[in-house]
């Protein structure tokens, strides 16, 4: 395998409450190279979303490390992690997470503006055209279908050409036909831009289209 773009090393996450200690993740260990695709699968409560959140640096582990492009993300403070996310990562969510007061074009421009990339409007228009929304640039999310909203979310995630894209149930709120189109588009952009893709899913057909399938059971990685 190529040099790791992301490496998760002996990662564990525990929380304490009045009843004692709850182990959410236990000694998770895997790595992915550039342009690889992986699905994280498992039953509800197995730790999938927690693992994704830790890989994004949005949550912290009890022990272990996550390195992205050679950088230990937990050696950084919160502001530095935010900069790393802006430069290296993209995110796609089941609920789209579009800003309702912004048009499709403005939603896609936003990460470019935050990263102070030149010509954000031009780049955003080009990316929306690539996902088939050239005629919907000035529409607000409330007048877009679910599939169109998810395509805007994909454009927003890929427009900064992230090294790593993390997706949490990206087709979970879509009908099967629309979900398949979104997955086709995501994998096409993954190959075209060389992005490493990690997605959480309950859909075995979607997971089967990824190069690797990481199965969690009760917080432990049982298949990789």
Protein backbone atom coordinates (compact mmCIF):
# COMPACT_ATOMS: atom_id res chain seq x y z
CA UNK A 1 0.00 0.00 0.00
CA UNK A 2 1.09 3.56 -0.63
CA UNK A 3 2.27 5.79 2.18
CA UNK A 4 -0.58 6.43 4.61
CA UNK A 5 -2.61 9.58 4.08
CA UNK A 6 -4.43 8.88 7.34
CA UNK A 7 -3.25 6.54 10.09
CA UNK A 8 -5.32 5.65 13.16
CA UNK A 9 -3.05 4.09 15.80
CA UNK A 10 -4.24 2.24 18.93
CA UNK A 11 -7.19 4.60 19.29
CA UNK A 12 -9.51 4.25 22.27
CA UNK A 13 -12.34 6.41 23.60
CA UNK A 14 -13.97 6.02 27.01
CA UNK A 15 -16.40 8.19 28.94
CA UNK A 16 -17.32 8.15 32.61
CA UNK A 17 -20.73 8.65 34.14
CA UNK A 18 -22.44 7.81 37.41
CA UNK A 19 -22.54 4.11 36.52
CA UNK A 20 -18.83 3.87 35.73
CA UNK A 21 -16.71 3.80 32.57
CA UNK A 22 -18.15 3.17 29.13
CA UNK A 23 -15.71 2.07 26.43
CA UNK A 24 -16.88 3.48 23.07
CA UNK A 25 -13.80 2.59 20.99
CA UNK A 26 -11.14 0.02 21.88
CA UNK A 27 -7.66 -0.08 20.29
CA UNK A 28 -8.64 0.88 16.73
CA UNK A 29 -5.74 0.56 14.31
CA UNK A 30 -5.72 1.05 10.51
CA UNK A 31 -4.33 3.28 7.78
CA UNK A 32 -5.33 4.38 4.28
CA UNK A 33 -3.24 5.69 1.42
CA UNK A 34 -4.00 8.44 -1.07
CA UNK A 35 -7.11 7.88 -3.19
CA UNK A 36 -8.19 4.78 -1.24
CA UNK A 37 -11.85 4.32 -0.30
CA UNK A 38 -13.12 2.70 2.88
CA UNK A 39 -16.54 2.11 4.42
CA UNK A 40 -16.99 1.94 8.18
CA UNK A 41 -19.89 -0.38 8.98
CA UNK A 42 -21.49 -1.81 12.08
CA UNK A 43 -24.71 -1.78 14.06
CA UNK A 44 -26.04 1.34 15.76
CA UNK A 45 -23.97 2.13 18.85
CA UNK A 46 -20.86 0.33 17.57
CA UNK A 47 -18.83 3.57 17.57
CA UNK A 48 -18.84 4.49 13.87
CA UNK A 49 -19.77 8.17 14.19
CA UNK A 50 -17.48 8.63 17.19
CA UNK A 51 -14.58 7.23 15.17
CA UNK A 52 -15.37 9.54 12.27
CA UNK A 53 -15.56 12.54 14.61
CA UNK A 54 -12.18 11.70 16.16
CA UNK A 55 -10.59 11.30 12.72
CA UNK A 56 -11.85 14.80 11.93
CA UNK A 57 -10.34 16.15 15.13
CA UNK A 58 -13.79 17.22 16.35
CA UNK A 59 -13.62 14.81 19.29
CA UNK A 60 -10.58 13.67 21.24
CA UNK A 61 -9.51 10.10 22.04
CA UNK A 62 -8.76 8.77 25.49
CA UNK A 63 -5.58 7.32 24.02
CA UNK A 64 -4.00 6.73 20.64
CA UNK A 65 -3.19 8.97 17.70
CA UNK A 66 -4.55 10.06 14.33
CA UNK A 67 -2.12 11.37 11.73
CA UNK A 68 -3.26 13.11 8.55
CA UNK A 69 -0.64 13.73 5.86
CA UNK A 70 2.02 12.96 8.46
CA UNK A 71 0.65 15.38 11.07
CA UNK A 72 -0.48 14.10 14.48
CA UNK A 73 -3.72 16.07 14.71
CA UNK A 74 -3.87 15.85 18.50
CA UNK A 75 -0.44 17.44 18.82
CA UNK A 76 -2.23 20.58 17.53
CA UNK A 77 -4.42 22.95 19.51
CA UNK A 78 -8.06 23.50 18.49
CA UNK A 79 -7.27 26.47 16.25
CA UNK A 80 -4.50 24.56 14.47
CA UNK A 81 -6.82 21.58 13.96
CA UNK A 82 -9.40 23.92 12.43
CA UNK A 83 -6.77 25.14 9.96
CA UNK A 84 -5.81 21.55 9.11
CA UNK A 85 -9.47 20.65 8.52
CA UNK A 86 -9.90 23.65 6.23
CA UNK A 87 -6.85 22.71 4.18
CA UNK A 88 -6.89 18.91 4.19
CA UNK A 89 -10.45 17.69 4.83
CA UNK A 90 -13.92 17.75 3.35
CA UNK A 91 -17.15 16.62 5.01
CA UNK A 92 -20.46 15.25 3.73
CA UNK A 93 -23.37 14.64 6.11
CA UNK A 94 -26.64 12.74 5.85
CA UNK A 95 -28.55 15.93 6.71
CA UNK A 96 -26.61 17.95 4.07
CA UNK A 97 -25.75 20.77 6.55
CA UNK A 98 -26.26 23.51 3.97
CA UNK A 99 -26.76 27.08 5.18
CA UNK A 100 -30.34 27.98 4.37
CA UNK A 101 -29.73 31.71 3.95
CA UNK A 102 -27.07 31.11 1.28
CA UNK A 103 -27.62 30.09 -2.33
CA UNK A 104 -26.08 26.92 -3.74
CA UNK A 105 -23.24 29.00 -5.16
CA UNK A 106 -22.64 30.83 -1.87
CA UNK A 107 -22.65 27.54 0.08
CA UNK A 108 -19.91 26.17 -2.18
CA UNK A 109 -17.95 29.42 -2.12
CA UNK A 110 -17.85 29.47 1.69
CA UNK A 111 -14.99 26.99 2.33
CA UNK A 112 -12.95 28.66 -0.42
CA UNK A 113 -13.44 32.05 1.21
CA UNK A 114 -12.54 30.68 4.64
CA UNK A 115 -9.36 29.20 3.15
CA UNK A 116 -8.67 32.52 1.37
CA UNK A 117 -8.50 30.80 -2.02
CA UNK A 118 -8.37 33.12 -5.02
CA UNK A 119 -11.41 33.36 -7.32
CA UNK A 120 -13.86 31.50 -5.07
CA UNK A 121 -16.87 32.34 -7.26
CA UNK A 122 -15.24 30.94 -10.39
CA UNK A 123 -14.14 27.73 -8.67
CA UNK A 124 -17.53 27.24 -7.01
CA UNK A 125 -19.37 27.70 -10.31
CA UNK A 126 -17.08 25.16 -11.99
CA UNK A 127 -17.61 22.58 -9.26
CA UNK A 128 -21.38 23.01 -9.26
CA UNK A 129 -21.33 22.49 -13.03
CA UNK A 130 -19.36 19.27 -12.52
CA UNK A 131 -22.11 17.91 -10.25
CA UNK A 132 -24.81 18.90 -12.73
CA UNK A 133 -26.14 22.03 -11.03
CA UNK A 134 -25.02 24.77 -13.40
CA UNK A 135 -28.63 25.89 -13.71
CA UNK A 136 -29.28 25.95 -9.95
CA UNK A 137 -26.51 28.28 -8.78
CA UNK A 138 -28.78 30.94 -7.32
CA UNK A 139 -31.34 28.65 -5.73
CA UNK A 140 -31.63 28.37 -1.96
CA UNK A 141 -31.58 24.92 -0.29
CA UNK A 142 -35.31 25.01 0.54
CA UNK A 143 -36.22 24.88 -3.17
CA UNK A 144 -33.75 22.10 -4.03
CA UNK A 145 -34.61 18.40 -3.89
CA UNK A 146 -32.78 16.13 -1.46
CA UNK A 147 -30.56 14.82 -4.23
CA UNK A 148 -29.77 18.35 -5.39
CA UNK A 149 -28.94 19.43 -1.85
CA UNK A 150 -26.58 16.49 -1.46
CA UNK A 151 -24.90 17.40 -4.77
CA UNK A 152 -24.37 20.93 -3.43
CA UNK A 153 -22.89 19.37 -0.28
CA UNK A 154 -20.57 17.22 -2.42
CA UNK A 155 -19.50 20.26 -4.44
CA UNK A 156 -18.79 22.14 -1.21
CA UNK A 157 -16.75 19.23 0.16
CA UNK A 158 -14.69 18.65 -2.99
CA UNK A 159 -14.21 22.25 -4.14
CA UNK A 160 -11.15 22.75 -1.92
CA UNK A 161 -9.71 19.49 -3.32
CA UNK A 162 -9.22 17.94 0.13
CA UNK A 163 -6.72 15.16 0.69
CA UNK A 164 -9.31 13.41 2.89
CA UNK A 165 -13.09 13.33 2.68
CA UNK A 166 -15.19 12.03 5.58
CA UNK A 167 -18.83 11.19 4.92
CA UNK A 168 -21.42 10.25 7.56
CA UNK A 169 -24.33 8.29 6.00
CA UNK A 170 -24.12 10.41 2.81
CA UNK A 171 -27.04 8.61 1.14
CA UNK A 172 -29.03 7.76 4.27
CA UNK A 173 -31.81 10.31 3.75
CA UNK A 174 -32.15 9.74 -0.02
CA UNK A 175 -34.27 7.28 -1.97
CA UNK A 176 -32.31 4.31 -3.39
CA UNK A 177 -32.06 5.60 -6.97
CA UNK A 178 -30.91 9.07 -5.89
CA UNK A 179 -28.55 7.54 -3.35
CA UNK A 180 -26.92 5.45 -6.06
CA UNK A 181 -26.43 8.53 -8.26
CA UNK A 182 -24.86 10.39 -5.35
CA UNK A 183 -22.52 7.48 -4.62
CA UNK A 184 -21.52 7.28 -8.29
CA UNK A 185 -20.73 10.98 -8.23
CA UNK A 186 -18.77 10.74 -4.98
CA UNK A 187 -16.63 7.87 -6.25
CA UNK A 188 -16.07 9.64 -9.58
CA UNK A 189 -14.86 12.80 -7.84
CA UNK A 190 -12.76 10.65 -5.49
CA UNK A 191 -10.90 9.15 -8.46
CA UNK A 192 -10.68 12.38 -10.42
CA UNK A 193 -9.26 14.46 -7.58
CA UNK A 194 -7.26 11.73 -5.82
CA UNK A 195 -9.10 12.21 -2.53
CA UNK A 196 -9.02 9.54 0.17
CA UNK A 197 -12.64 8.73 1.02
CA UNK A 198 -13.92 7.31 4.32
CA UNK A 199 -17.65 6.90 4.80
CA UNK A 200 -19.92 5.59 7.53
CA UNK A 201 -22.87 3.64 6.16
CA UNK A 202 -25.53 1.07 7.02
CA UNK A 203 -25.94 0.24 3.33
CA UNK A 204 -24.08 -3.00 2.42
CA UNK A 205 -24.32 -2.27 -1.31
CA UNK A 206 -22.68 1.11 -0.83
CA UNK A 207 -19.99 -0.38 1.44
CA UNK A 208 -19.25 -3.05 -1.18
CA UNK A 209 -18.31 -0.35 -3.69
CA UNK A 210 -15.47 0.87 -1.47
CA UNK A 211 -12.01 -0.62 -1.67
CA UNK A 212 -12.04 -1.61 2.00
CA UNK A 213 -14.70 -2.36 4.60
CA UNK A 214 -13.90 -1.66 8.26
CA UNK A 215 -16.37 -3.44 10.54
CA UNK A 216 -16.92 -2.25 14.12
CA UNK A 217 -18.53 -4.39 16.80
CA UNK A 218 -19.00 -2.91 20.27
CA UNK A 219 -16.20 -0.41 19.63
CA UNK A 220 -13.71 -2.93 18.29
CA UNK A 221 -12.46 -3.25 14.73
CA UNK A 222 -13.21 -6.88 13.88
CA UNK A 223 -12.61 -6.77 10.12
CA UNK A 224 -10.41 -4.43 8.08
